[in-house]
N, C-alpha and C. Protein backbone atom coordinates (compact mmCIF):
# COMPACT_ATOMS: atom_id res chain seq x y z
N MET A 1 139.34 118.44 95.89
CA MET A 1 138.56 118.96 97.00
C MET A 1 139.37 120.05 97.68
N SER A 2 138.71 121.04 98.16
CA SER A 2 139.31 122.16 98.85
C SER A 2 139.92 121.73 100.18
N ALA A 3 140.92 122.49 100.64
CA ALA A 3 141.53 122.19 101.93
C ALA A 3 140.55 122.49 103.07
N ASN A 4 139.57 123.36 102.81
CA ASN A 4 138.58 123.70 103.82
C ASN A 4 137.56 122.57 103.91
N SER A 5 137.42 121.98 105.08
CA SER A 5 136.53 120.82 105.22
C SER A 5 135.15 121.18 105.75
N HIS A 6 134.87 122.47 105.95
CA HIS A 6 133.57 122.90 106.45
C HIS A 6 133.04 124.06 105.61
N TYR A 7 131.74 124.26 105.67
CA TYR A 7 131.13 125.40 105.02
C TYR A 7 130.00 125.90 105.91
N LYS A 8 129.54 127.13 105.64
CA LYS A 8 128.44 127.70 106.42
C LYS A 8 127.16 127.66 105.61
N GLN A 9 126.06 127.43 106.32
CA GLN A 9 124.75 127.35 105.67
C GLN A 9 123.73 128.03 106.57
N ILE A 10 122.84 128.80 105.96
CA ILE A 10 121.75 129.39 106.74
C ILE A 10 120.60 128.39 106.74
N GLN A 11 120.07 128.14 107.94
CA GLN A 11 119.00 127.15 108.08
C GLN A 11 117.82 127.75 108.84
N VAL A 12 116.63 127.28 108.49
CA VAL A 12 115.41 127.66 109.20
C VAL A 12 115.24 126.69 110.36
N PHE A 13 115.09 127.24 111.57
CA PHE A 13 114.90 126.41 112.76
C PHE A 13 113.47 126.49 113.30
N ASN A 14 112.78 127.59 113.02
CA ASN A 14 111.37 127.71 113.39
C ASN A 14 110.76 128.80 112.52
N TYR A 15 109.45 128.97 112.61
CA TYR A 15 108.76 129.95 111.79
C TYR A 15 108.49 131.20 112.60
N SER A 16 108.87 132.34 112.02
CA SER A 16 108.69 133.62 112.69
C SER A 16 108.76 134.72 111.65
N THR A 17 108.08 135.83 111.91
CA THR A 17 108.20 136.99 111.03
C THR A 17 109.50 137.73 111.30
N ASN A 18 110.20 137.37 112.37
CA ASN A 18 111.52 137.92 112.68
C ASN A 18 112.56 136.96 112.10
N PHE A 19 113.20 137.36 111.00
CA PHE A 19 114.13 136.49 110.28
C PHE A 19 115.26 135.99 111.17
N ALA A 20 115.80 136.86 112.00
CA ALA A 20 116.91 136.48 112.89
C ALA A 20 116.48 135.42 113.90
N GLU A 21 115.24 135.46 114.34
CA GLU A 21 114.74 134.45 115.28
C GLU A 21 114.43 133.12 114.59
N ALA A 22 114.11 133.17 113.31
CA ALA A 22 113.73 131.97 112.57
C ALA A 22 114.93 131.18 112.05
N THR A 23 116.07 131.85 111.90
CA THR A 23 117.22 131.21 111.24
C THR A 23 118.48 131.22 112.10
N LYS A 24 119.41 130.36 111.71
CA LYS A 24 120.75 130.33 112.30
C LYS A 24 121.74 130.02 111.18
N ILE A 25 122.96 130.52 111.32
CA ILE A 25 124.04 130.15 110.40
C ILE A 25 124.82 129.04 111.09
N VAL A 26 124.89 127.89 110.43
CA VAL A 26 125.56 126.72 111.01
C VAL A 26 126.76 126.33 110.16
N SER A 27 127.71 125.66 110.79
CA SER A 27 128.89 125.14 110.11
C SER A 27 128.67 123.65 109.87
N LEU A 28 128.84 123.22 108.63
CA LEU A 28 128.62 121.82 108.25
C LEU A 28 129.87 121.23 107.62
N HIS A 29 130.00 119.92 107.73
CA HIS A 29 131.13 119.20 107.14
C HIS A 29 130.94 119.10 105.63
N LEU A 30 131.97 119.43 104.89
CA LEU A 30 131.95 119.36 103.44
C LEU A 30 132.25 117.93 103.00
N VAL A 31 131.39 117.37 102.16
CA VAL A 31 131.59 116.00 101.67
C VAL A 31 132.03 116.05 100.21
N ASP A 32 132.78 115.04 99.79
CA ASP A 32 133.22 114.95 98.40
C ASP A 32 132.01 114.77 97.49
N PRO A 33 131.97 115.48 96.36
CA PRO A 33 130.85 115.29 95.42
C PRO A 33 130.91 113.90 94.79
N LYS A 34 129.73 113.39 94.45
CA LYS A 34 129.62 112.10 93.75
C LYS A 34 130.05 112.30 92.30
N SER A 35 130.15 111.22 91.56
CA SER A 35 130.64 111.29 90.18
C SER A 35 129.75 112.13 89.26
N ASP A 36 128.46 112.26 89.59
CA ASP A 36 127.56 113.05 88.76
C ASP A 36 127.22 114.41 89.40
N GLU A 37 128.04 114.86 90.34
CA GLU A 37 127.84 116.13 91.03
C GLU A 37 129.08 117.00 90.87
N ILE A 38 128.91 118.30 91.14
CA ILE A 38 130.04 119.22 91.17
C ILE A 38 130.01 119.98 92.49
N LEU A 39 131.14 120.50 92.89
CA LEU A 39 131.24 121.30 94.10
C LEU A 39 131.33 122.76 93.68
N VAL A 40 130.44 123.60 94.20
CA VAL A 40 130.39 125.01 93.86
C VAL A 40 130.68 125.82 95.11
N LYS A 41 131.62 126.76 95.00
CA LYS A 41 131.94 127.63 96.12
C LYS A 41 131.15 128.92 95.95
N ASN A 42 130.20 129.17 96.84
CA ASN A 42 129.42 130.39 96.80
C ASN A 42 130.19 131.50 97.49
N LEU A 43 130.27 132.66 96.83
CA LEU A 43 130.95 133.80 97.41
C LEU A 43 129.99 134.67 98.21
N PHE A 44 128.78 134.82 97.71
CA PHE A 44 127.75 135.62 98.37
C PHE A 44 126.41 134.94 98.18
N VAL A 45 125.50 135.14 99.11
CA VAL A 45 124.14 134.64 98.96
C VAL A 45 123.17 135.79 99.18
N GLY A 46 122.02 135.70 98.56
CA GLY A 46 121.02 136.74 98.71
C GLY A 46 119.88 136.29 99.61
N ILE A 47 119.43 137.19 100.45
CA ILE A 47 118.23 136.96 101.26
C ILE A 47 117.17 137.90 100.71
N ASN A 48 116.09 137.34 100.24
CA ASN A 48 115.08 138.11 99.53
C ASN A 48 113.70 137.92 100.15
N ALA A 49 112.72 138.57 99.53
CA ALA A 49 111.35 138.49 100.04
C ALA A 49 110.86 137.05 100.12
N THR A 50 111.23 136.23 99.16
CA THR A 50 110.83 134.82 99.19
C THR A 50 111.32 134.14 100.45
N ASP A 51 112.57 134.39 100.82
CA ASP A 51 113.13 133.78 102.03
C ASP A 51 112.38 134.26 103.28
N LEU A 52 112.04 135.54 103.31
CA LEU A 52 111.30 136.07 104.46
C LEU A 52 109.91 135.44 104.55
N ASN A 53 109.27 135.24 103.41
CA ASN A 53 107.95 134.60 103.41
C ASN A 53 108.03 133.13 103.81
N ILE A 54 109.10 132.45 103.41
CA ILE A 54 109.28 131.05 103.81
C ILE A 54 109.47 130.95 105.32
N THR A 55 110.34 131.80 105.89
CA THR A 55 110.59 131.73 107.33
C THR A 55 109.38 132.15 108.15
N ALA A 56 108.50 132.95 107.56
CA ALA A 56 107.28 133.34 108.25
C ALA A 56 106.18 132.29 108.08
N GLY A 57 106.43 131.25 107.26
CA GLY A 57 105.45 130.19 107.05
C GLY A 57 104.36 130.56 106.07
N ARG A 58 104.58 131.59 105.25
CA ARG A 58 103.55 132.04 104.31
C ARG A 58 103.49 131.22 103.03
N TYR A 59 104.60 130.65 102.59
CA TYR A 59 104.62 129.92 101.32
C TYR A 59 104.35 128.44 101.51
N PHE A 60 105.13 127.79 102.30
CA PHE A 60 104.96 126.37 102.59
C PHE A 60 105.77 126.08 103.83
N LYS A 61 105.45 125.01 104.48
CA LYS A 61 106.20 124.62 105.67
C LYS A 61 106.75 123.22 105.48
N HIS A 62 108.05 123.09 105.70
CA HIS A 62 108.66 121.76 105.73
C HIS A 62 108.18 121.06 106.99
N ASP A 63 108.21 119.76 106.98
CA ASP A 63 107.75 119.00 108.14
C ASP A 63 108.68 119.14 109.34
N ASP A 64 109.97 119.05 109.09
CA ASP A 64 110.93 118.98 110.18
C ASP A 64 112.07 119.97 110.04
N PRO A 65 111.94 121.18 110.61
CA PRO A 65 113.11 122.05 110.65
C PRO A 65 114.18 121.40 111.53
N PRO A 66 115.44 121.64 111.36
CA PRO A 66 115.97 122.66 110.46
C PRO A 66 116.11 122.17 109.03
N TYR A 67 116.10 123.14 108.11
CA TYR A 67 116.37 122.87 106.70
C TYR A 67 117.05 124.09 106.09
N PRO A 68 117.81 123.89 105.00
CA PRO A 68 118.53 125.02 104.41
C PRO A 68 117.60 126.00 103.73
N LEU A 69 118.05 127.24 103.64
CA LEU A 69 117.27 128.32 103.05
C LEU A 69 118.08 128.98 101.95
N GLY A 70 117.41 129.52 100.97
CA GLY A 70 118.08 130.32 99.96
C GLY A 70 118.19 129.63 98.62
N PHE A 71 118.20 130.44 97.56
CA PHE A 71 118.33 129.90 96.21
C PHE A 71 119.08 130.85 95.29
N GLU A 72 119.55 131.99 95.79
CA GLU A 72 120.32 132.91 94.97
C GLU A 72 121.71 133.04 95.54
N TYR A 73 122.71 133.07 94.66
CA TYR A 73 124.09 133.10 95.12
C TYR A 73 124.99 133.67 94.03
N VAL A 74 126.21 134.03 94.42
CA VAL A 74 127.24 134.47 93.50
C VAL A 74 128.42 133.53 93.67
N THR A 75 128.97 133.07 92.57
CA THR A 75 130.10 132.16 92.61
C THR A 75 131.14 132.60 91.58
N SER A 76 132.34 132.08 91.70
CA SER A 76 133.38 132.40 90.72
C SER A 76 133.23 131.49 89.51
N ALA A 77 133.89 131.84 88.42
CA ALA A 77 133.78 131.06 87.19
C ALA A 77 134.93 130.06 87.04
N ASP A 78 135.74 129.87 88.05
CA ASP A 78 136.86 128.93 87.96
C ASP A 78 136.36 127.52 87.68
N GLY A 79 136.99 126.86 86.73
CA GLY A 79 136.67 125.47 86.46
C GLY A 79 135.42 125.23 85.65
N LEU A 80 134.84 126.28 85.08
CA LEU A 80 133.64 126.09 84.27
C LEU A 80 133.99 125.51 82.91
N THR A 81 133.08 124.76 82.36
CA THR A 81 133.25 124.18 81.03
C THR A 81 132.28 124.86 80.08
N VAL A 82 132.78 125.25 78.93
CA VAL A 82 131.93 125.89 77.93
C VAL A 82 131.09 124.81 77.25
N ILE A 83 129.79 125.06 77.18
CA ILE A 83 128.89 124.14 76.48
C ILE A 83 128.32 124.87 75.27
N PRO A 84 127.89 124.15 74.25
CA PRO A 84 127.33 124.82 73.07
C PRO A 84 126.13 125.68 73.46
N LYS A 85 126.00 126.81 72.77
CA LYS A 85 124.91 127.73 73.04
C LYS A 85 123.58 127.09 72.62
N PRO A 86 122.64 126.92 73.57
CA PRO A 86 121.35 126.33 73.22
C PRO A 86 120.43 127.35 72.55
N ASP A 87 119.42 126.85 71.88
CA ASP A 87 118.44 127.73 71.26
C ASP A 87 117.66 128.47 72.34
N PRO A 88 117.37 129.77 72.13
CA PRO A 88 116.62 130.54 73.12
C PRO A 88 115.26 129.94 73.47
N GLU A 89 114.64 129.23 72.50
CA GLU A 89 113.34 128.63 72.76
C GLU A 89 113.42 127.60 73.89
N TYR A 90 114.55 126.91 73.98
CA TYR A 90 114.72 125.92 75.04
C TYR A 90 114.99 126.59 76.38
N LEU A 91 115.71 127.70 76.35
CA LEU A 91 116.04 128.38 77.60
C LEU A 91 114.85 129.10 78.21
N ALA A 92 113.88 129.47 77.40
CA ALA A 92 112.75 130.25 77.88
C ALA A 92 112.00 129.57 79.01
N LEU A 93 111.93 128.24 79.00
CA LEU A 93 111.16 127.55 80.04
C LEU A 93 111.86 127.56 81.39
N PHE A 94 113.12 128.01 81.44
CA PHE A 94 113.82 128.05 82.72
C PHE A 94 113.59 129.36 83.46
N GLY A 95 112.65 130.15 83.02
CA GLY A 95 112.29 131.35 83.77
C GLY A 95 111.53 130.95 85.02
N THR A 96 110.85 131.89 85.62
CA THR A 96 110.13 131.64 86.86
C THR A 96 109.11 130.53 86.72
N SER A 97 108.40 130.49 85.61
CA SER A 97 107.39 129.44 85.42
C SER A 97 108.03 128.06 85.38
N GLY A 98 109.13 127.94 84.65
CA GLY A 98 109.82 126.66 84.55
C GLY A 98 110.39 126.20 85.88
N LEU A 99 110.96 127.15 86.62
CA LEU A 99 111.51 126.80 87.94
C LEU A 99 110.40 126.40 88.90
N THR A 100 109.29 127.12 88.87
CA THR A 100 108.17 126.79 89.74
C THR A 100 107.67 125.37 89.46
N ALA A 101 107.50 125.04 88.19
CA ALA A 101 107.03 123.70 87.83
C ALA A 101 108.04 122.63 88.20
N SER A 102 109.30 122.84 87.86
CA SER A 102 110.30 121.80 88.11
C SER A 102 110.56 121.59 89.59
N ILE A 103 110.63 122.66 90.36
CA ILE A 103 110.85 122.51 91.80
C ILE A 103 109.64 121.88 92.46
N GLY A 104 108.45 122.33 92.08
CA GLY A 104 107.24 121.77 92.67
C GLY A 104 107.08 120.28 92.41
N LEU A 105 107.40 119.86 91.19
CA LEU A 105 107.22 118.45 90.85
C LEU A 105 108.40 117.59 91.28
N SER A 106 109.61 118.10 91.18
CA SER A 106 110.78 117.28 91.52
C SER A 106 111.09 117.30 93.01
N GLU A 107 111.08 118.49 93.60
CA GLU A 107 111.44 118.61 95.02
C GLU A 107 110.23 118.46 95.93
N GLY A 108 109.12 119.06 95.52
CA GLY A 108 107.94 119.04 96.38
C GLY A 108 107.22 117.72 96.42
N SER A 109 107.09 117.07 95.26
CA SER A 109 106.29 115.84 95.22
C SER A 109 107.10 114.59 94.92
N HIS A 110 108.35 114.73 94.50
CA HIS A 110 109.22 113.58 94.20
C HIS A 110 108.52 112.60 93.26
N LEU A 111 108.14 113.09 92.09
CA LEU A 111 107.43 112.26 91.11
C LEU A 111 108.21 111.01 90.72
N ALA A 112 107.47 109.95 90.47
CA ALA A 112 108.06 108.71 89.98
C ALA A 112 107.29 108.25 88.76
N SER A 113 107.97 107.59 87.86
CA SER A 113 107.35 107.08 86.64
C SER A 113 106.15 106.20 86.98
N GLY A 114 105.07 106.37 86.21
CA GLY A 114 103.87 105.57 86.41
C GLY A 114 102.83 106.21 87.32
N GLU A 115 103.20 107.26 88.03
CA GLU A 115 102.24 107.91 88.92
C GLU A 115 101.25 108.75 88.11
N LYS A 116 100.05 108.94 88.68
CA LYS A 116 99.05 109.81 88.07
C LYS A 116 99.22 111.20 88.67
N VAL A 117 99.20 112.21 87.79
CA VAL A 117 99.42 113.59 88.22
C VAL A 117 98.31 114.47 87.66
N LEU A 118 97.67 115.26 88.52
CA LEU A 118 96.66 116.22 88.09
C LEU A 118 97.33 117.59 87.99
N ILE A 119 97.28 118.18 86.81
CA ILE A 119 97.82 119.52 86.59
C ILE A 119 96.63 120.44 86.34
N THR A 120 96.36 121.35 87.27
CA THR A 120 95.29 122.33 87.08
C THR A 120 95.87 123.52 86.33
N ALA A 121 95.01 124.24 85.63
CA ALA A 121 95.43 125.39 84.83
C ALA A 121 96.55 125.00 83.87
N ALA A 122 96.37 123.88 83.18
CA ALA A 122 97.42 123.33 82.33
C ALA A 122 97.73 124.18 81.10
N ALA A 123 96.90 125.16 80.79
CA ALA A 123 97.18 126.04 79.66
C ALA A 123 97.97 127.27 80.09
N GLY A 124 98.19 127.42 81.39
CA GLY A 124 98.90 128.59 81.91
C GLY A 124 100.41 128.43 81.87
N GLY A 125 101.10 129.47 82.30
CA GLY A 125 102.56 129.50 82.27
C GLY A 125 103.22 128.37 83.01
N VAL A 126 102.81 128.13 84.24
CA VAL A 126 103.39 127.04 85.03
C VAL A 126 102.77 125.71 84.62
N GLY A 127 101.48 125.69 84.40
CA GLY A 127 100.76 124.45 84.12
C GLY A 127 101.24 123.71 82.90
N HIS A 128 101.49 124.42 81.79
CA HIS A 128 101.90 123.70 80.58
C HIS A 128 103.31 123.13 80.73
N ILE A 129 104.17 123.79 81.48
CA ILE A 129 105.51 123.24 81.73
C ILE A 129 105.42 122.07 82.71
N ALA A 130 104.57 122.21 83.72
CA ALA A 130 104.40 121.11 84.69
C ALA A 130 103.89 119.85 84.00
N ALA A 131 102.96 120.02 83.07
CA ALA A 131 102.42 118.86 82.36
C ALA A 131 103.52 118.17 81.54
N GLN A 132 104.33 118.96 80.83
CA GLN A 132 105.42 118.39 80.04
C GLN A 132 106.47 117.73 80.93
N TRP A 133 106.76 118.37 82.06
CA TRP A 133 107.75 117.83 83.00
C TRP A 133 107.29 116.47 83.52
N ALA A 134 106.02 116.39 83.90
CA ALA A 134 105.48 115.13 84.43
C ALA A 134 105.48 114.05 83.35
N LEU A 135 105.16 114.41 82.11
CA LEU A 135 105.21 113.44 81.01
C LEU A 135 106.63 112.93 80.80
N LEU A 136 107.61 113.82 80.86
CA LEU A 136 109.01 113.41 80.71
C LEU A 136 109.45 112.47 81.82
N LYS A 137 108.83 112.59 83.00
CA LYS A 137 109.13 111.71 84.12
C LYS A 137 108.42 110.36 83.99
N GLY A 138 107.58 110.21 82.95
CA GLY A 138 106.88 108.96 82.74
C GLY A 138 105.57 108.85 83.50
N CYS A 139 105.02 109.98 83.89
CA CYS A 139 103.76 109.99 84.65
C CYS A 139 102.56 110.03 83.70
N HIS A 140 101.41 109.59 84.21
CA HIS A 140 100.13 109.71 83.51
C HIS A 140 99.57 111.07 83.92
N VAL A 141 99.45 111.99 82.97
CA VAL A 141 99.05 113.36 83.28
C VAL A 141 97.58 113.57 82.97
N ILE A 142 96.86 114.12 83.94
CA ILE A 142 95.47 114.55 83.78
C ILE A 142 95.52 116.07 83.90
N ALA A 143 95.10 116.78 82.84
CA ALA A 143 95.22 118.23 82.81
C ALA A 143 93.86 118.89 82.74
N THR A 144 93.70 120.01 83.44
CA THR A 144 92.46 120.77 83.40
C THR A 144 92.74 122.18 82.88
N THR A 145 91.71 122.77 82.25
CA THR A 145 91.75 124.16 81.83
C THR A 145 90.43 124.80 82.21
N SER A 146 90.38 126.12 82.14
CA SER A 146 89.15 126.80 82.56
C SER A 146 88.07 126.80 81.49
N ASN A 147 88.43 126.54 80.24
CA ASN A 147 87.41 126.49 79.19
C ASN A 147 87.89 125.64 78.01
N ASP A 148 86.94 125.30 77.13
CA ASP A 148 87.25 124.43 75.99
C ASP A 148 88.28 125.04 75.04
N LYS A 149 88.24 126.35 74.85
CA LYS A 149 89.16 127.00 73.92
C LYS A 149 90.62 126.79 74.35
N LYS A 150 90.87 126.79 75.64
CA LYS A 150 92.24 126.62 76.14
C LYS A 150 92.74 125.19 75.99
N GLN A 151 91.84 124.25 75.78
CA GLN A 151 92.25 122.86 75.61
C GLN A 151 92.99 122.64 74.30
N GLU A 152 92.77 123.53 73.35
CA GLU A 152 93.44 123.42 72.05
C GLU A 152 94.86 123.82 72.22
């Protein structure tokens, strides 16, 4: 663990089109990572259009601010472990569509095995990944498409 016992985090405190009024940078206590976690030191973070839309309440609203903001960062490569190069076909789903599906199902809805899940537009970019993700979680998936041809 680092000698530094605190870190800074940008948090949303209220919704506003003025980013500075919606957010604050706070200092938080650094906790030791669990056995299945790693500690990453971010050197820089990006504030992008997505963050501005979140703070303005255009994308979704959390129930209880404050909450952390941001998903892009720069970190050093110290302590990284080389893993075998995966096939590109497997990596393709981690693009925007894959992230949208995985974040929506894992973070947004907290899926649990045995639950019933309706996936609309299941033949689309996000929908087909969402359906597979829910199946991997052990859910009963009900999928819709706009026409019979897309069901194939």
